[in-house]
Amino acid sequence: MEKEINAGYTITDRLTVGNSEFIIGQRDTAPAQFVTWKCIKGEKDYFWGHYLGDRLAAVEDLCKRALEEIEYLRTFQQEKSTSGKTARQVKRHHELER
């Protein structure tokens, strides 16, 4: 597997949640040796970097960011499901009035 590098950091880990990926990068010579980024799955445009001093903190941040994305997707899914039911209920109620 070819080594992937972004902004001088070697990508060591990645976690996919939905259409998003969360990545850990490591650069031994940087003041902040670790970074977590977010990107769109399949793209190499990394953004929202969190720079950290140790690997354990980076893994914790990666997991936290992934869990936040899961919660966001779950909430979005529930809202979509609820609004769909409401629209069907309104339609059924309207059909009964005829």
C-alpha atoms as a PDB file:
ATOM      1  CA  MET A   1       0.000   0.000   0.000  1.00  0.00           C
ATOM      2  CA  GLU A   2       1.359   3.416  -0.968  1.00  0.00           C
ATOM      3  CA  LYS A   3       2.055   5.828   1.876  1.00  0.00           C
ATOM      4  CA  GLU A   4      -0.364   8.778   1.871  1.00  0.00           C
ATOM      5  CA  ILE A   5       0.887  12.185   3.013  1.00  0.00           C
ATOM      6  CA  ASN A   6      -0.996  15.438   3.575  1.00  0.00           C
ATOM      7  CA  ALA A   7       0.675  18.690   4.676  1.00  0.00           C
ATOM      8  CA  GLY A   8       3.756  16.702   5.698  1.00  0.00           C
ATOM      9  CA  TYR A   9       1.738  14.310   7.899  1.00  0.00           C
ATOM     10  CA  THR A  10       1.668  10.592   7.082  1.00  0.00           C
ATOM     11  CA  ILE A  11      -1.878   9.224   7.198  1.00  0.00           C
ATOM     12  CA  THR A  12      -1.906   6.365   9.694  1.00  0.00           C
ATOM     13  CA  ASP A  13      -5.588   5.728  10.359  1.00  0.00           C
ATOM     14  CA  ARG A  14      -8.976   6.476   8.856  1.00  0.00           C
ATOM     15  CA  LEU A  15     -12.534   5.893   9.949  1.00  0.00           C
ATOM     16  CA  THR A  16     -15.545   6.159   7.639  1.00  0.00           C
ATOM     17  CA  VAL A  17     -18.976   7.262   8.849  1.00  0.00           C
ATOM     18  CA  GLY A  18     -21.600   7.681   6.147  1.00  0.00           C
ATOM     19  CA  ASN A  19     -20.124   9.906   3.451  1.00  0.00           C
ATOM     20  CA  SER A  20     -17.418  11.342   5.737  1.00  0.00           C
ATOM     21  CA  GLU A  21     -13.970  10.114   6.670  1.00  0.00           C
ATOM     22  CA  PHE A  22     -11.935  11.029   9.727  1.00  0.00           C
ATOM     23  CA  ILE A  23      -8.183  10.696   9.429  1.00  0.00           C
ATOM     24  CA  ILE A  24      -5.163  10.670  11.750  1.00  0.00           C
ATOM     25  CA  GLY A  25      -1.904  12.051  10.413  1.00  0.00           C
ATOM     26  CA  GLN A  26       1.495  11.775  12.101  1.00  0.00           C
ATOM     27  CA  ARG A  27       4.600  13.918  11.642  1.00  0.00           C
ATOM     28  CA  ASP A  28       7.386  13.248  14.108  1.00  0.00           C
ATOM     29  CA  THR A  29       9.190  16.554  13.465  1.00  0.00           C
ATOM     30  CA  ALA A  30       6.157  18.832  13.951  1.00  0.00           C
ATOM     31  CA  PRO A  31       5.420  20.637  17.244  1.00  0.00           C
ATOM     32  CA  ALA A  32       1.993  18.941  17.184  1.00  0.00           C
ATOM     33  CA  GLN A  33       2.968  15.453  16.040  1.00  0.00           C
ATOM     34  CA  PHE A  34      -0.599  14.298  15.345  1.00  0.00           C
ATOM     35  CA  VAL A  35      -3.606  15.739  13.554  1.00  0.00           C
ATOM     36  CA  THR A  36      -7.139  14.580  12.882  1.00  0.00           C
ATOM     37  CA  TRP A  37      -8.915  15.801   9.774  1.00  0.00           C
ATOM     38  CA  LYS A  38     -12.315  15.348   8.200  1.00  0.00           C
ATOM     39  CA  CYS A  39     -12.884  14.815   4.475  1.00  0.00           C
ATOM     40  CA  ILE A  40     -15.573  13.633   2.109  1.00  0.00           C
ATOM     41  CA  LYS A  41     -15.247   9.895   1.484  1.00  0.00           C
ATOM     42  CA  GLY A  42     -13.052   9.188  -1.518  1.00  0.00           C
ATOM     43  CA  GLU A  43     -11.654  12.727  -1.742  1.00  0.00           C
ATOM     44  CA  LYS A  44      -8.281  14.037  -0.599  1.00  0.00           C
ATOM     45  CA  ASP A  45      -9.450  17.498   0.508  1.00  0.00           C
ATOM     46  CA  TYR A  46      -8.780  17.370   4.258  1.00  0.00           C
ATOM     47  CA  PHE A  47     -10.287  20.074   6.470  1.00  0.00           C
ATOM     48  CA  TRP A  48     -11.053  21.025  10.088  1.00  0.00           C
ATOM     49  CA  GLY A  49      -7.729  19.832  11.456  1.00  0.00           C
ATOM     50  CA  HIS A  50      -7.352  19.236  15.173  1.00  0.00           C
ATOM     51  CA  TYR A  51      -3.646  19.270  16.081  1.00  0.00           C
ATOM     52  CA  LEU A  52      -2.554  17.189  19.062  1.00  0.00           C
ATOM     53  CA  GLY A  53       0.611  16.302  20.937  1.00  0.00           C
ATOM     54  CA  ASP A  54       0.186  12.551  21.457  1.00  0.00           C
ATOM     55  CA  ARG A  55      -1.250   9.528  19.684  1.00  0.00           C
ATOM     56  CA  LEU A  56      -3.738   8.602  22.406  1.00  0.00           C
ATOM     57  CA  ALA A  57      -5.276  12.090  22.269  1.00  0.00           C
ATOM     58  CA  ALA A  58      -5.471  11.805  18.468  1.00  0.00           C
ATOM     59  CA  VAL A  59      -7.248   8.437  18.632  1.00  0.00           C
ATOM     60  CA  GLU A  60      -9.667   9.837  21.227  1.00  0.00           C
ATOM     61  CA  ASP A  61     -10.358  12.888  19.029  1.00  0.00           C
ATOM     62  CA  LEU A  62     -10.866  10.686  15.955  1.00  0.00           C
ATOM     63  CA  CYS A  63     -13.417   8.555  17.830  1.00  0.00           C
ATOM     64  CA  LYS A  64     -15.180  11.605  19.260  1.00  0.00           C
ATOM     65  CA  ARG A  65     -15.502  13.199  15.828  1.00  0.00           C
ATOM     66  CA  ALA A  66     -16.819   9.951  14.340  1.00  0.00           C
ATOM     67  CA  LEU A  67     -19.388   9.581  17.152  1.00  0.00           C
ATOM     68  CA  GLU A  68     -20.540  13.185  16.618  1.00  0.00           C
ATOM     69  CA  GLU A  69     -21.062  12.396  12.928  1.00  0.00           C
ATOM     70  CA  ILE A  70     -23.048   9.277  13.843  1.00  0.00           C
ATOM     71  CA  GLU A  71     -25.280  11.337  16.151  1.00  0.00           C
ATOM     72  CA  TYR A  72     -25.759  13.954  13.431  1.00  0.00           C
ATOM     73  CA  LEU A  73     -26.751  11.294  10.890  1.00  0.00           C
ATOM     74  CA  ARG A  74     -29.052   9.576  13.381  1.00  0.00           C
ATOM     75  CA  THR A  75     -30.807  12.876  14.202  1.00  0.00           C
ATOM     76  CA  PHE A  76     -31.125  13.744  10.503  1.00  0.00           C
ATOM     77  CA  GLN A  77     -32.549  10.275   9.782  1.00  0.00           C
ATOM     78  CA  GLN A  78     -35.079  10.583  12.623  1.00  0.00           C
ATOM     79  CA  GLU A  79     -36.171  14.057  11.490  1.00  0.00           C
ATOM     80  CA  LYS A  80     -36.562  12.813   7.923  1.00  0.00           C
ATOM     81  CA  SER A  81     -38.570   9.822   9.128  1.00  0.00           C
ATOM     82  CA  THR A  82     -40.790  11.986  11.353  1.00  0.00           C
ATOM     83  CA  SER A  83     -41.459  14.584   8.637  1.00  0.00           C
ATOM     84  CA  GLY A  84     -42.324  11.805   6.169  1.00  0.00           C
ATOM     85  CA  LYS A  85     -44.871  10.337   8.586  1.00  0.00           C
ATOM     86  CA  THR A  86     -46.404  13.755   9.191  1.00  0.00           C
ATOM     87  CA  ALA A  87     -46.789  14.355   5.459  1.00  0.00           C
ATOM     88  CA  ARG A  88     -48.471  10.957   5.002  1.00  0.00           C
ATOM     89  CA  GLN A  89     -50.760  11.582   7.976  1.00  0.00           C
ATOM     90  CA  VAL A  90     -51.809  14.957   6.550  1.00  0.00           C
ATOM     91  CA  LYS A  91     -52.481  13.388   3.149  1.00  0.00           C
ATOM     92  CA  ARG A  92     -54.557  10.585   4.678  1.00  0.00           C
ATOM     93  CA  HIS A  93     -56.518  13.090   6.738  1.00  0.00           C
ATOM     94  CA  HIS A  94     -57.153  15.186   3.631  1.00  0.00           C
ATOM     95  CA  GLU A  95     -58.303  12.125   1.674  1.00  0.00           C
ATOM     96  CA  LEU A  96     -60.817  11.285   4.407  1.00  0.00           C
ATOM     97  CA  GLU A  97     -62.435  14.717   4.058  1.00  0.00           C
ATOM     98  CA  ARG A  98     -63.557  14.064   0.473  1.00  0.00           C
END
